[in-house]
Amino acid sequence: MAGTGHAHLRDGDRVLSVKDLVVEFGVSRHATVKAVSGISFDVLRGETLGIVGESGCGKSTTGRAVMQIPRPNSGVVEFEGSDLTELGNAELREARTRVQMIFQDPISSLNPRRTVRDSVLEPLAIWGKGTKDERLKLVDEILESVGIDPKRAAESRPHQFSGGQCQRISIARALVLDPTLIICDEPVSALDVSVQAQVLNLLEDLKETYGLTLVFIAHDLAVVKNISDRVAVMYLGKLCEVASSDDLYAQPAHPYTNLLLDSIPEPDPNADHAASQVIGEPPSPVDPPSGCRFHPRCSYADDVCSAEEPQLRPVGTDHFVACHHPVEVQVSANPTN
């Protein structure tokens, strides 16, 4: 188990505080996928938290569990002072107006039978916000703020826009109810690199303009670095490292974080990739390893790693790692295993 604990949680103006979140899915009578296993994190007002890890680590499930889709098996999801896990359906529905989500596939997240303007307008109509003219004016203003022509949006459907434009439309739909927190579930992974940069810059500008707090989920550490103030690294349903973005990239302490950083492509045809480590496929979340969940793939692992679960502990200022043998300690000890 990669790591648990609350040492990394902070005091302050927290918009979101998640404690001991557990999400499991039954896949058969005798098998259960342990998607998220007791993780904790918080997000301060105006902050962007990046959640990163390889496919299947549970990061998207974490984002959906915050939205209570599905409701987690256990844990606390406190948003603006209210525990979302304890709210009834009507209260939760209202709370979701202040917590919005941007999905990975922008085209399939939009109704193909509605015009783009109607898709963005729908949340306002459902909640009866303002008059019809006020709603139309607000929608046109938000569409313009994300770079979409309102006149074209009034007569066009999602398939008539590119993937990058559809993601801008999805962002507009998330903004229209004036949320406090937006969860971005891999919002640029399906886009070209040049379009990724445009969407990331747009999110940064909108965050400043609308006073947003963001949770940005991705599997690419290079993307996360450009937008996040703080980064949480996930592995097989657990957090293994939490640090400020600059500190994580400058001094990664967990072996898994180092592997993720090493996997970032270098735009240099002469770069030496001989030292890149191949660690194989991750274990099954149905039957995760004992102790540290990363130990079967870790070159620093020993008997302690397979027997005891590491707790998140400080290794620097606002830098926490769940590892019995952090990388900087191992390097100084010149490990042979």
C-alpha atoms as a PDB file:
ATOM      1  CA  MET A   1       0.000   0.000   0.000  1.00  0.00           C
ATOM      2  CA  ALA A   2       1.687   3.146  -1.217  1.00  0.00           C
ATOM      3  CA  GLY A   3       0.811   5.370   1.696  1.00  0.00           C
ATOM      4  CA  THR A   4      -1.732   6.828   4.080  1.00  0.00           C
ATOM      5  CA  GLY A   5      -1.735   9.451   6.820  1.00  0.00           C
ATOM      6  CA  HIS A   6      -2.683  13.071   7.435  1.00  0.00           C
ATOM      7  CA  ALA A   7       0.713  14.724   7.937  1.00  0.00           C
ATOM      8  CA  HIS A   8       0.392  16.604   4.632  1.00  0.00           C
ATOM      9  CA  LEU A   9      -3.000  18.165   5.430  1.00  0.00           C
ATOM     10  CA  ARG A  10      -2.913  21.880   6.172  1.00  0.00           C
ATOM     11  CA  ASP A  11      -4.743  24.557   8.109  1.00  0.00           C
ATOM     12  CA  GLY A  12      -6.082  27.557   6.250  1.00  0.00           C
ATOM     13  CA  ASP A  13      -8.904  28.508   3.904  1.00  0.00           C
ATOM     14  CA  ARG A  14      -9.619  25.028   2.552  1.00  0.00           C
ATOM     15  CA  VAL A  15     -12.199  24.780  -0.204  1.00  0.00           C
ATOM     16  CA  LEU A  16     -11.903  20.977  -0.295  1.00  0.00           C
ATOM     17  CA  SER A  17     -10.699  18.541   2.353  1.00  0.00           C
ATOM     18  CA  VAL A  18     -10.736  14.802   1.657  1.00  0.00           C
ATOM     19  CA  LYS A  19      -9.900  12.326   4.418  1.00  0.00           C
ATOM     20  CA  ASP A  20      -9.489   8.548   4.235  1.00  0.00           C
ATOM     21  CA  LEU A  21     -11.387   8.230   0.937  1.00  0.00           C
ATOM     22  CA  VAL A  22     -12.180   4.651  -0.074  1.00  0.00           C
ATOM     23  CA  VAL A  23     -13.795   3.609  -3.358  1.00  0.00           C
ATOM     24  CA  GLU A  24     -14.234  -0.050  -4.278  1.00  0.00           C
ATOM     25  CA  PHE A  25     -16.095  -1.776  -7.123  1.00  0.00           C
ATOM     26  CA  GLY A  26     -17.366  -5.329  -7.113  1.00  0.00           C
ATOM     27  CA  VAL A  27     -16.460  -7.024 -10.391  1.00  0.00           C
ATOM     28  CA  SER A  28     -17.701 -10.488  -9.452  1.00  0.00           C
ATOM     29  CA  ARG A  29     -19.028 -12.368  -6.452  1.00  0.00           C
ATOM     30  CA  HIS A  30     -15.527 -12.928  -5.097  1.00  0.00           C
ATOM     31  CA  ALA A  31     -13.521 -10.008  -6.556  1.00  0.00           C
ATOM     32  CA  THR A  32     -13.428  -6.335  -5.619  1.00  0.00           C
ATOM     33  CA  VAL A  33     -11.402  -3.615  -7.328  1.00  0.00           C
ATOM     34  CA  LYS A  34      -9.746  -1.448  -4.659  1.00  0.00           C
ATOM     35  CA  ALA A  35      -9.699   1.699  -6.790  1.00  0.00           C
ATOM     36  CA  VAL A  36      -8.989   4.245  -4.027  1.00  0.00           C
ATOM     37  CA  SER A  37      -7.697   3.063  -0.664  1.00  0.00           C
ATOM     38  CA  GLY A  38      -7.804   5.634   2.116  1.00  0.00           C
ATOM     39  CA  ILE A  39      -6.262   8.726   0.535  1.00  0.00           C
ATOM     40  CA  SER A  40      -6.379  12.223   2.041  1.00  0.00           C
ATOM     41  CA  PHE A  41      -5.689  15.640   0.516  1.00  0.00           C
ATOM     42  CA  ASP A  42      -6.841  19.247   0.673  1.00  0.00           C
ATOM     43  CA  VAL A  43      -7.068  22.221  -1.677  1.00  0.00           C
ATOM     44  CA  LEU A  44      -6.781  25.809  -0.458  1.00  0.00           C
ATOM     45  CA  ARG A  45      -8.861  28.582  -1.990  1.00  0.00           C
ATOM     46  CA  GLY A  46      -7.378  29.798  -5.266  1.00  0.00           C
ATOM     47  CA  GLU A  47      -4.977  26.852  -5.466  1.00  0.00           C
ATOM     48  CA  THR A  48      -4.535  24.278  -8.225  1.00  0.00           C
ATOM     49  CA  LEU A  49      -3.858  20.742  -7.004  1.00  0.00           C
ATOM     50  CA  GLY A  50      -2.469  18.355  -9.604  1.00  0.00           C
ATOM     51  CA  ILE A  51      -3.205  14.648  -9.164  1.00  0.00           C
ATOM     52  CA  VAL A  52      -0.918  12.534 -11.317  1.00  0.00           C
ATOM     53  CA  GLY A  53      -0.199   8.856 -11.888  1.00  0.00           C
ATOM     54  CA  GLU A  54      -0.235   6.144 -14.530  1.00  0.00           C
ATOM     55  CA  SER A  55      -3.468   4.799 -16.024  1.00  0.00           C
ATOM     56  CA  GLY A  56      -5.499   2.775 -13.527  1.00  0.00           C
ATOM     57  CA  CYS A  57      -4.051   4.401 -10.391  1.00  0.00           C
ATOM     58  CA  GLY A  58      -7.451   5.749  -9.290  1.00  0.00           C
ATOM     59  CA  LYS A  59      -7.027   9.461 -10.013  1.00  0.00           C
ATOM     60  CA  SER A  60     -10.171   9.832 -12.159  1.00  0.00           C
ATOM     61  CA  THR A  61     -12.139   7.745  -9.667  1.00  0.00           C
ATOM     62  CA  THR A  62     -10.968  10.146  -6.962  1.00  0.00           C
ATOM     63  CA  GLY A  63     -12.291  13.123  -8.912  1.00  0.00           C
ATOM     64  CA  ARG A  64     -15.641  11.449  -9.482  1.00  0.00           C
ATOM     65  CA  ALA A  65     -15.846  10.402  -5.826  1.00  0.00           C
ATOM     66  CA  VAL A  66     -15.461  14.045  -4.805  1.00  0.00           C
ATOM     67  CA  MET A  67     -18.512  14.728  -6.990  1.00  0.00           C
ATOM     68  CA  GLN A  68     -20.206  11.699  -5.367  1.00  0.00           C
ATOM     69  CA  ILE A  69     -20.529   9.847  -8.697  1.00  0.00           C
ATOM     70  CA  PRO A  70     -20.415   7.227  -7.356  1.00  0.00           C
ATOM     71  CA  ARG A  71     -20.608   7.894  -3.626  1.00  0.00           C
ATOM     72  CA  PRO A  72     -17.458   6.543  -1.946  1.00  0.00           C
ATOM     73  CA  ASN A  73     -17.530   3.481   0.307  1.00  0.00           C
ATOM     74  CA  SER A  74     -16.157   5.526   3.190  1.00  0.00           C
ATOM     75  CA  GLY A  75     -14.282   8.703   4.020  1.00  0.00           C
ATOM     76  CA  VAL A  76     -15.001  12.408   4.339  1.00  0.00           C
ATOM     77  CA  VAL A  77     -15.347  14.832   1.404  1.00  0.00           C
ATOM     78  CA  GLU A  78     -15.706  18.269   2.984  1.00  0.00           C
ATOM     79  CA  PHE A  79     -16.495  21.083   0.553  1.00  0.00           C
ATOM     80  CA  GLU A  80     -16.850  24.604   1.933  1.00  0.00           C
ATOM     81  CA  GLY A  81     -17.550  23.211   5.396  1.00  0.00           C
ATOM     82  CA  SER A  82     -20.132  20.571   4.373  1.00  0.00           C
ATOM     83  CA  ASP A  83     -19.454  16.848   4.173  1.00  0.00           C
ATOM     84  CA  LEU A  84     -20.819  15.874   0.763  1.00  0.00           C
ATOM     85  CA  THR A  85     -21.007  12.209   1.780  1.00  0.00           C
ATOM     86  CA  GLU A  86     -23.690  13.036   4.367  1.00  0.00           C
ATOM     87  CA  LEU A  87     -25.926  15.195   2.137  1.00  0.00           C
ATOM     88  CA  GLY A  88     -29.253  13.967   0.816  1.00  0.00           C
ATOM     89  CA  ASN A  89     -29.912  13.884  -2.917  1.00  0.00           C
ATOM     90  CA  ALA A  90     -31.533  17.332  -3.080  1.00  0.00           C
ATOM     91  CA  GLU A  91     -28.775  18.997  -1.005  1.00  0.00           C
ATOM     92  CA  LEU A  92     -26.064  17.227  -2.988  1.00  0.00           C
ATOM     93  CA  ARG A  93     -27.618  18.311  -6.271  1.00  0.00           C
ATOM     94  CA  GLU A  94     -27.487  21.921  -5.116  1.00  0.00           C
ATOM     95  CA  ALA A  95     -23.907  21.571  -3.848  1.00  0.00           C
ATOM     96  CA  ARG A  96     -22.836  20.307  -7.280  1.00  0.00           C
ATOM     97  CA  THR A  97     -23.675  23.710  -8.757  1.00  0.00           C
ATOM     98  CA  ARG A  98     -20.581  24.964  -6.907  1.00  0.00           C
ATOM     99  CA  VAL A  99     -18.433  21.932  -7.812  1.00  0.00           C
ATOM    100  CA  GLN A 100     -18.212  21.366 -11.553  1.00  0.00           C
ATOM    101  CA  MET A 101     -16.307  18.826 -13.628  1.00  0.00           C
ATOM    102  CA  ILE A 102     -14.587  18.941 -17.022  1.00  0.00           C
ATOM    103  CA  PHE A 103     -14.365  15.492 -18.584  1.00  0.00           C
ATOM    104  CA  GLN A 104     -11.602  13.845 -20.585  1.00  0.00           C
ATOM    105  CA  ASP A 105     -13.520  13.406 -23.857  1.00  0.00           C
ATOM    106  CA  PRO A 106     -15.011  16.818 -24.675  1.00  0.00           C
ATOM    107  CA  ILE A 107     -17.072  15.697 -27.671  1.00  0.00           C
ATOM    108  CA  SER A 108     -18.876  12.806 -25.993  1.00  0.00           C
ATOM    109  CA  SER A 109     -19.571  14.936 -22.908  1.00  0.00           C
ATOM    110  CA  LEU A 110     -21.733  17.286 -25.008  1.00  0.00           C
ATOM    111  CA  ASN A 111     -25.238  16.422 -26.206  1.00  0.00           C
ATOM    112  CA  PRO A 112     -24.906  15.833 -29.990  1.00  0.00           C
ATOM    113  CA  ARG A 113     -28.538  16.831 -30.605  1.00  0.00           C
ATOM    114  CA  ARG A 114     -28.334  20.253 -28.954  1.00  0.00           C
ATOM    115  CA  THR A 115     -26.692  23.378 -30.243  1.00  0.00           C
ATOM    116  CA  VAL A 116     -23.626  24.433 -28.328  1.00  0.00           C
ATOM    117  CA  ARG A 117     -25.357  27.502 -26.905  1.00  0.00           C
ATOM    118  CA  ASP A 118     -28.249  25.342 -25.620  1.00  0.00           C
ATOM    119  CA  SER A 119     -25.791  22.946 -23.933  1.00  0.00           C
ATOM    120  CA  VAL A 120     -24.152  25.830 -22.070  1.00  0.00           C
ATOM    121  CA  LEU A 121     -27.526  27.442 -21.349  1.00  0.00           C
ATOM    122  CA  GLU A 122     -29.151  24.291 -19.926  1.00  0.00           C
ATOM    123  CA  PRO A 123     -27.757  24.499 -16.341  1.00  0.00           C
ATOM    124  CA  LEU A 124     -29.046  28.070 -15.995  1.00  0.00           C
ATOM    125  CA  ALA A 125     -32.476  27.060 -17.278  1.00  0.00           C
ATOM    126  CA  ILE A 126     -32.675  24.058 -14.938  1.00  0.00           C
ATOM    127  CA  TRP A 127     -31.887  26.213 -11.895  1.00  0.00           C
ATOM    128  CA  GLY A 128     -33.976  29.153 -13.066  1.00  0.00           C
ATOM    129  CA  LYS A 129     -31.142  31.663 -12.875  1.00  0.00           C
ATOM    130  CA  GLY A 130     -32.272  35.093 -14.059  1.00  0.00           C
ATOM    131  CA  THR A 131     -34.597  35.937 -16.936  1.00  0.00           C
ATOM    132  CA  LYS A 132     -34.309  34.399 -20.388  1.00  0.00           C
ATOM    133  CA  ASP A 133     -32.531  37.479 -21.749  1.00  0.00           C
ATOM    134  CA  GLU A 134     -30.145  37.561 -18.775  1.00  0.00           C
ATOM    135  CA  ARG A 135     -29.312  33.882 -19.268  1.00  0.00           C
ATOM    136  CA  LEU A 136     -28.611  34.341 -22.982  1.00  0.00           C
ATOM    137  CA  LYS A 137     -26.420  37.366 -22.276  1.00  0.00           C
ATOM    138  CA  LEU A 138     -24.401  35.470 -19.642  1.00  0.00           C
ATOM    139  CA  VAL A 139     -23.926  32.443 -21.913  1.00  0.00           C
ATOM    140  CA  ASP A 140     -22.699  34.640 -24.772  1.00  0.00           C
ATOM    141  CA  GLU A 141     -20.253  36.407 -22.439  1.00  0.00           C
ATOM    142  CA  ILE A 142     -18.830  33.113 -21.143  1.00  0.00           C
ATOM    143  CA  LEU A 143     -18.573  31.627 -24.644  1.00  0.00           C
ATOM    144  CA  GLU A 144     -16.614  34.708 -25.713  1.00  0.00           C
ATOM    145  CA  SER A 145     -14.372  34.395 -22.642  1.00  0.00           C
ATOM    146  CA  VAL A 146     -13.335  30.877 -23.736  1.00  0.00           C
ATOM    147  CA  GLY A 147     -12.821  31.871 -27.377  1.00  0.00           C
ATOM    148  CA  ILE A 148     -16.051  30.579 -28.959  1.00  0.00           C
ATOM    149  CA  ASP A 149     -18.149  32.784 -31.275  1.00  0.00           C
ATOM    150  CA  PRO A 150     -21.645  32.984 -29.688  1.00  0.00           C
ATOM    151  CA  LYS A 151     -23.354  33.398 -33.086  1.00  0.00           C
ATOM    152  CA  ARG A 152     -21.812  30.197 -34.385  1.00  0.00           C
ATOM    153  CA  ALA A 153     -22.572  28.441 -31.089  1.00  0.00           C
ATOM    154  CA  ALA A 154     -26.260  29.361 -31.459  1.00  0.00           C
ATOM    155  CA  GLU A 155     -26.620  27.394 -34.689  1.00  0.00           C
ATOM    156  CA  SER A 156     -23.905  24.691 -34.544  1.00  0.00           C
ATOM    157  CA  ARG A 157     -23.675  21.317 -32.828  1.00  0.00           C
ATOM    158  CA  PRO A 158     -20.637  19.700 -31.168  1.00  0.00           C
ATOM    159  CA  HIS A 159     -19.592  17.631 -34.208  1.00  0.00           C
ATOM    160  CA  GLN A 160     -19.064  20.870 -36.129  1.00  0.00           C
ATOM    161  CA  PHE A 161     -16.284  21.926 -33.762  1.00  0.00           C
ATOM    162  CA  SER A 162     -12.761  20.583 -33.260  1.00  0.00           C
ATOM    163  CA  GLY A 163     -11.714  18.690 -30.129  1.00  0.00           C
ATOM    164  CA  GLY A 164     -10.018  21.777 -28.702  1.00  0.00           C
ATOM    165  CA  GLN A 165     -13.087  23.912 -29.357  1.00  0.00           C
ATOM    166  CA  CYS A 166     -15.340  21.298 -27.732  1.00  0.00           C
ATOM    167  CA  GLN A 167     -13.128  21.371 -24.651  1.00  0.00           C
ATOM    168  CA  ARG A 168     -13.502  25.162 -24.536  1.00  0.00           C
ATOM    169  CA  ILE A 169     -17.272  24.685 -24.746  1.00  0.00           C
ATOM    170  CA  SER A 170     -17.120  22.169 -21.884  1.00  0.00           C
ATOM    171  CA  ILE A 171     -15.180  24.701 -19.831  1.00  0.00           C
ATOM    172  CA  ALA A 172     -17.831  27.331 -20.578  1.00  0.00           C
ATOM    173  CA  ARG A 173     -20.562  24.947 -19.433  1.00  0.00           C
ATOM    174  CA  ALA A 174     -18.645  24.325 -16.186  1.00  0.00           C
ATOM    175  CA  LEU A 175     -18.292  28.076 -15.586  1.00  0.00           C
ATOM    176  CA  VAL A 176     -21.863  29.116 -16.253  1.00  0.00           C
ATOM    177  CA  LEU A 177     -23.166  28.416 -12.722  1.00  0.00           C
ATOM    178  CA  ASP A 178     -20.279  30.383 -11.154  1.00  0.00           C
ATOM    179  CA  PRO A 179     -18.651  27.436  -9.325  1.00  0.00           C
ATOM    180  CA  THR A 180     -16.055  27.632  -6.574  1.00  0.00           C
ATOM    181  CA  LEU A 181     -14.216  24.430  -7.519  1.00  0.00           C
ATOM    182  CA  ILE A 182     -13.678  22.778 -10.901  1.00  0.00           C
ATOM    183  CA  ILE A 183     -12.350  19.227 -11.213  1.00  0.00           C
ATOM    184  CA  CYS A 184     -10.509  18.827 -14.512  1.00  0.00           C
ATOM    185  CA  ASP A 185     -10.362  15.121 -15.392  1.00  0.00           C
ATOM    186  CA  GLU A 186      -7.521  14.824 -17.928  1.00  0.00           C
ATOM    187  CA  PRO A 187      -8.954  17.737 -19.945  1.00  0.00           C
ATOM    188  CA  VAL A 188      -6.081  17.901 -22.460  1.00  0.00           C
ATOM    189  CA  SER A 189      -5.040  14.259 -22.883  1.00  0.00           C
ATOM    190  CA  ALA A 190      -7.124  13.823 -26.073  1.00  0.00           C
ATOM    191  CA  LEU A 191      -5.821  17.032 -27.671  1.00  0.00           C
ATOM    192  CA  ASP A 192      -2.832  17.875 -29.851  1.00  0.00           C
ATOM    193  CA  VAL A 193       0.181  19.330 -28.056  1.00  0.00           C
ATOM    194  CA  SER A 194      -0.340  22.843 -29.467  1.00  0.00           C
ATOM    195  CA  VAL A 195      -4.029  22.765 -28.474  1.00  0.00           C
ATOM    196  CA  GLN A 196      -3.093  21.446 -25.019  1.00  0.00           C
ATOM    197  CA  ALA A 197      -1.047  24.589 -24.423  1.00  0.00           C
ATOM    198  CA  GLN A 198      -3.972  26.784 -25.498  1.00  0.00           C
ATOM    199  CA  VAL A 199      -6.412  25.046 -23.138  1.00  0.00           C
ATOM    200  CA  LEU A 200      -3.942  25.137 -20.224  1.00  0.00           C
ATOM    201  CA  ASN A 201      -3.358  28.862 -20.761  1.00  0.00           C
ATOM    202  CA  LEU A 202      -7.114  29.373 -20.952  1.00  0.00           C
ATOM    203  CA  LEU A 203      -7.648  27.578 -17.632  1.00  0.00           C
ATOM    204  CA  GLU A 204      -4.984  29.736 -15.993  1.00  0.00           C
ATOM    205  CA  ASP A 205      -6.591  32.928 -17.313  1.00  0.00           C
ATOM    206  CA  LEU A 206     -10.096  31.842 -16.264  1.00  0.00           C
ATOM    207  CA  LYS A 207      -8.844  30.841 -12.828  1.00  0.00           C
ATOM    208  CA  GLU A 208      -7.593  34.387 -12.327  1.00  0.00           C
ATOM    209  CA  THR A 209     -10.674  36.035 -13.837  1.00  0.00           C
ATOM    210  CA  TYR A 210     -13.306  33.992 -11.988  1.00  0.00           C
ATOM    211  CA  GLY A 211     -11.387  33.280  -8.757  1.00  0.00           C
ATOM    212  CA  LEU A 212     -11.482  29.514  -9.277  1.00  0.00           C
ATOM    213  CA  THR A 213      -9.958  26.653  -7.323  1.00  0.00           C
ATOM    214  CA  LEU A 214      -8.900  23.688  -9.482  1.00  0.00           C
ATOM    215  CA  VAL A 215      -8.171  19.994  -9.120  1.00  0.00           C
ATOM    216  CA  PHE A 216      -6.259  19.005 -12.252  1.00  0.00           C
ATOM    217  CA  ILE A 217      -6.043  15.272 -12.972  1.00  0.00           C
ATOM    218  CA  ALA A 218      -3.513  13.971 -15.514  1.00  0.00           C
ATOM    219  CA  HIS A 219      -1.064  11.181 -16.237  1.00  0.00           C
ATOM    220  CA  ASP A 220       1.543  13.519 -17.713  1.00  0.00           C
ATOM    221  CA  LEU A 221       3.792  15.192 -15.156  1.00  0.00           C
ATOM    222  CA  ALA A 222       5.013  17.686 -17.753  1.00  0.00           C
ATOM    223  CA  VAL A 223       1.440  18.965 -18.216  1.00  0.00           C
ATOM    224  CA  VAL A 224       0.737  19.031 -14.478  1.00  0.00           C
ATOM    225  CA  LYS A 225       3.849  21.085 -13.759  1.00  0.00           C
ATOM    226  CA  ASN A 226       2.668  23.952 -15.942  1.00  0.00           C
ATOM    227  CA  ILE A 227      -0.622  24.483 -14.135  1.00  0.00           C
ATOM    228  CA  SER A 228      -0.347  23.126 -10.572  1.00  0.00           C
ATOM    229  CA  ASP A 229       0.675  24.841  -7.350  1.00  0.00           C
ATOM    230  CA  ARG A 230       0.822  21.525  -5.481  1.00  0.00           C
ATOM    231  CA  VAL A 231       1.085  17.970  -6.826  1.00  0.00           C
ATOM    232  CA  ALA A 232      -0.110  14.667  -5.360  1.00  0.00           C
ATOM    233  CA  VAL A 233       1.328  11.523  -6.956  1.00  0.00           C
ATOM    234  CA  MET A 234      -0.954   8.461  -6.919  1.00  0.00           C
ATOM    235  CA  TYR A 235      -0.033   4.820  -7.295  1.00  0.00           C
ATOM    236  CA  LEU A 236      -2.523   1.940  -7.267  1.00  0.00           C
ATOM    237  CA  GLY A 237      -5.131   3.756  -5.160  1.00  0.00           C
ATOM    238  CA  LYS A 238      -2.719   5.408  -2.720  1.00  0.00           C
ATOM    239  CA  LEU A 239      -0.790   8.673  -2.451  1.00  0.00           C
ATOM    240  CA  CYS A 240       2.966   8.210  -2.497  1.00  0.00           C
ATOM    241  CA  GLU A 241       4.221  11.813  -2.615  1.00  0.00           C
ATOM    242  CA  VAL A 242       2.802  15.306  -2.078  1.00  0.00           C
ATOM    243  CA  ALA A 243       4.777  18.501  -2.642  1.00  0.00           C
ATOM    244  CA  SER A 244       4.748  21.912  -4.262  1.00  0.00           C
ATOM    245  CA  SER A 245       5.138  21.683  -8.021  1.00  0.00           C
ATOM    246  CA  ASP A 246       8.636  23.191  -8.120  1.00  0.00           C
ATOM    247  CA  ASP A 247       9.912  21.076  -5.238  1.00  0.00           C
ATOM    248  CA  LEU A 248       8.513  17.835  -6.641  1.00  0.00           C
ATOM    249  CA  TYR A 249      10.278  18.344  -9.962  1.00  0.00           C
ATOM    250  CA  ALA A 250      13.527  19.564  -8.413  1.00  0.00           C
ATOM    251  CA  GLN A 251      13.797  16.932  -5.644  1.00  0.00           C
ATOM    252  CA  PRO A 252      11.485  13.934  -6.158  1.00  0.00           C
ATOM    253  CA  ALA A 253      11.775  11.674  -3.113  1.00  0.00           C
ATOM    254  CA  HIS A 254       9.722   8.597  -4.072  1.00  0.00           C
ATOM    255  CA  PRO A 255      11.162   6.041  -6.531  1.00  0.00           C
ATOM    256  CA  TYR A 256       7.876   6.026  -8.443  1.00  0.00           C
ATOM    257  CA  THR A 257       7.903   9.821  -8.849  1.00  0.00           C
ATOM    258  CA  ASN A 258      11.425   9.588 -10.207  1.00  0.00           C
ATOM    259  CA  LEU A 259      10.291   7.004 -12.756  1.00  0.00           C
ATOM    260  CA  LEU A 260       7.418   9.230 -13.857  1.00  0.00           C
ATOM    261  CA  LEU A 261       9.800  12.157 -14.315  1.00  0.00           C
ATOM    262  CA  ASP A 262      12.257   9.979 -16.234  1.00  0.00           C
ATOM    263  CA  SER A 263       9.449   8.956 -18.587  1.00  0.00           C
ATOM    264  CA  ILE A 264       8.818  12.544 -19.763  1.00  0.00           C
ATOM    265  CA  PRO A 265       9.967  12.701 -23.415  1.00  0.00           C
ATOM    266  CA  GLU A 266      13.041  14.837 -24.077  1.00  0.00           C
ATOM    267  CA  PRO A 267      12.999  16.932 -27.274  1.00  0.00           C
ATOM    268  CA  ASP A 268      16.610  15.980 -27.947  1.00  0.00           C
ATOM    269  CA  PRO A 269      17.521  13.298 -30.528  1.00  0.00           C
ATOM    270  CA  ASN A 270      20.948  12.911 -28.919  1.00  0.00           C
ATOM    271  CA  ALA A 271      19.666  12.359 -25.372  1.00  0.00           C
ATOM    272  CA  ASP A 272      20.940   9.228 -23.612  1.00  0.00           C
ATOM    273  CA  HIS A 273      18.023   6.950 -22.710  1.00  0.00           C
ATOM    274  CA  ALA A 274      20.174   3.968 -21.762  1.00  0.00           C
ATOM    275  CA  ALA A 275      19.558   4.533 -18.049  1.00  0.00           C
ATOM    276  CA  SER A 276      15.754   4.398 -18.398  1.00  0.00           C
ATOM    277  CA  GLN A 277      14.369   1.710 -16.136  1.00  0.00           C
ATOM    278  CA  VAL A 278      11.753  -0.783 -17.309  1.00  0.00           C
ATOM    279  CA  ILE A 279       9.564  -1.878 -14.390  1.00  0.00           C
ATOM    280  CA  GLY A 280       6.810  -3.865 -16.088  1.00  0.00           C
ATOM    281  CA  GLU A 281       3.058  -3.808 -15.593  1.00  0.00           C
ATOM    282  CA  PRO A 282       1.456  -2.640 -12.318  1.00  0.00           C
ATOM    283  CA  PRO A 283      -0.148  -5.217 -10.000  1.00  0.00           C
ATOM    284  CA  SER A 284      -3.884  -5.805 -10.101  1.00  0.00           C
ATOM    285  CA  PRO A 285      -6.043  -3.489  -7.941  1.00  0.00           C
ATOM    286  CA  VAL A 286      -8.166  -6.561  -7.184  1.00  0.00           C
ATOM    287  CA  ASP A 287      -5.297  -8.089  -5.201  1.00  0.00           C
ATOM    288  CA  PRO A 288      -2.781  -5.326  -4.415  1.00  0.00           C
ATOM    289  CA  PRO A 289       0.583  -6.209  -2.840  1.00  0.00           C
ATOM    290  CA  SER A 290       1.062  -6.095   0.915  1.00  0.00           C
ATOM    291  CA  GLY A 291       3.046  -3.323   2.577  1.00  0.00           C
ATOM    292  CA  CYS A 292       4.056  -0.701   0.046  1.00  0.00           C
ATOM    293  CA  ARG A 293       2.077  -1.306  -3.134  1.00  0.00           C
ATOM    294  CA  PHE A 294       5.047  -0.224  -5.248  1.00  0.00           C
ATOM    295  CA  HIS A 295       7.533  -2.661  -3.723  1.00  0.00           C
ATOM    296  CA  PRO A 296       7.289  -5.387  -6.434  1.00  0.00           C
ATOM    297  CA  ARG A 297       8.493  -2.840  -9.019  1.00  0.00           C
ATOM    298  CA  CYS A 298      10.961  -0.913  -6.843  1.00  0.00           C
ATOM    299  CA  SER A 299      14.740  -1.414  -7.042  1.00  0.00           C
ATOM    300  CA  TYR A 300      15.125  -0.155  -3.454  1.00  0.00           C
ATOM    301  CA  ALA A 301      12.584  -2.517  -1.869  1.00  0.00           C
ATOM    302  CA  ASP A 302      13.486  -4.814   1.035  1.00  0.00           C
ATOM    303  CA  ASP A 303      11.599  -6.970   3.546  1.00  0.00           C
ATOM    304  CA  VAL A 304      10.267  -3.945   5.416  1.00  0.00           C
ATOM    305  CA  CYS A 305       8.632  -2.633   2.238  1.00  0.00           C
ATOM    306  CA  SER A 306       6.678  -5.848   1.685  1.00  0.00           C
ATOM    307  CA  ALA A 307       5.581  -6.107   5.329  1.00  0.00           C
ATOM    308  CA  GLU A 308       4.786  -2.546   6.479  1.00  0.00           C
ATOM    309  CA  GLU A 309       2.715   0.166   4.858  1.00  0.00           C
ATOM    310  CA  PRO A 310       4.636   3.474   4.731  1.00  0.00           C
ATOM    311  CA  GLN A 311       2.977   6.605   6.068  1.00  0.00           C
ATOM    312  CA  LEU A 312       3.215  10.023   4.455  1.00  0.00           C
ATOM    313  CA  ARG A 313       5.914  11.914   6.372  1.00  0.00           C
ATOM    314  CA  PRO A 314       7.754  15.206   5.845  1.00  0.00           C
ATOM    315  CA  VAL A 315      11.096  15.221   4.020  1.00  0.00           C
ATOM    316  CA  GLY A 316      11.216  18.972   3.480  1.00  0.00           C
ATOM    317  CA  THR A 317       9.116  22.121   3.637  1.00  0.00           C
ATOM    318  CA  ASP A 318       5.613  21.147   2.453  1.00  0.00           C
ATOM    319  CA  HIS A 319       7.108  17.986   0.936  1.00  0.00           C
ATOM    320  CA  PHE A 320       5.784  14.591   2.061  1.00  0.00           C
ATOM    321  CA  VAL A 321       6.605  11.073   0.921  1.00  0.00           C
ATOM    322  CA  ALA A 322       5.280   7.605   1.759  1.00  0.00           C
ATOM    323  CA  CYS A 323       8.426   5.528   1.414  1.00  0.00           C
ATOM    324  CA  HIS A 324      10.562   3.537   3.837  1.00  0.00           C
ATOM    325  CA  HIS A 325      13.656   4.440   1.813  1.00  0.00           C
ATOM    326  CA  PRO A 326      13.279   7.840   0.111  1.00  0.00           C
ATOM    327  CA  VAL A 327      15.467   8.239  -2.938  1.00  0.00           C
ATOM    328  CA  GLU A 328      17.864  10.802  -1.483  1.00  0.00           C
ATOM    329  CA  VAL A 329      18.509   8.495   1.514  1.00  0.00           C
ATOM    330  CA  GLN A 330      19.071   5.501  -0.740  1.00  0.00           C
ATOM    331  CA  VAL A 331      21.486   7.379  -2.991  1.00  0.00           C
ATOM    332  CA  SER A 332      23.648   8.414  -0.039  1.00  0.00           C
ATOM    333  CA  ALA A 333      23.629   4.846   1.239  1.00  0.00           C
ATOM    334  CA  ASN A 334      24.679   3.464  -2.163  1.00  0.00           C
ATOM    335  CA  PRO A 335      22.128   0.609  -2.193  1.00  0.00           C
ATOM    336  CA  THR A 336      22.985  -2.646  -3.889  1.00  0.00           C
ATOM    337  CA  ASN A 337      19.550  -4.338  -3.997  1.00  0.00           C
END
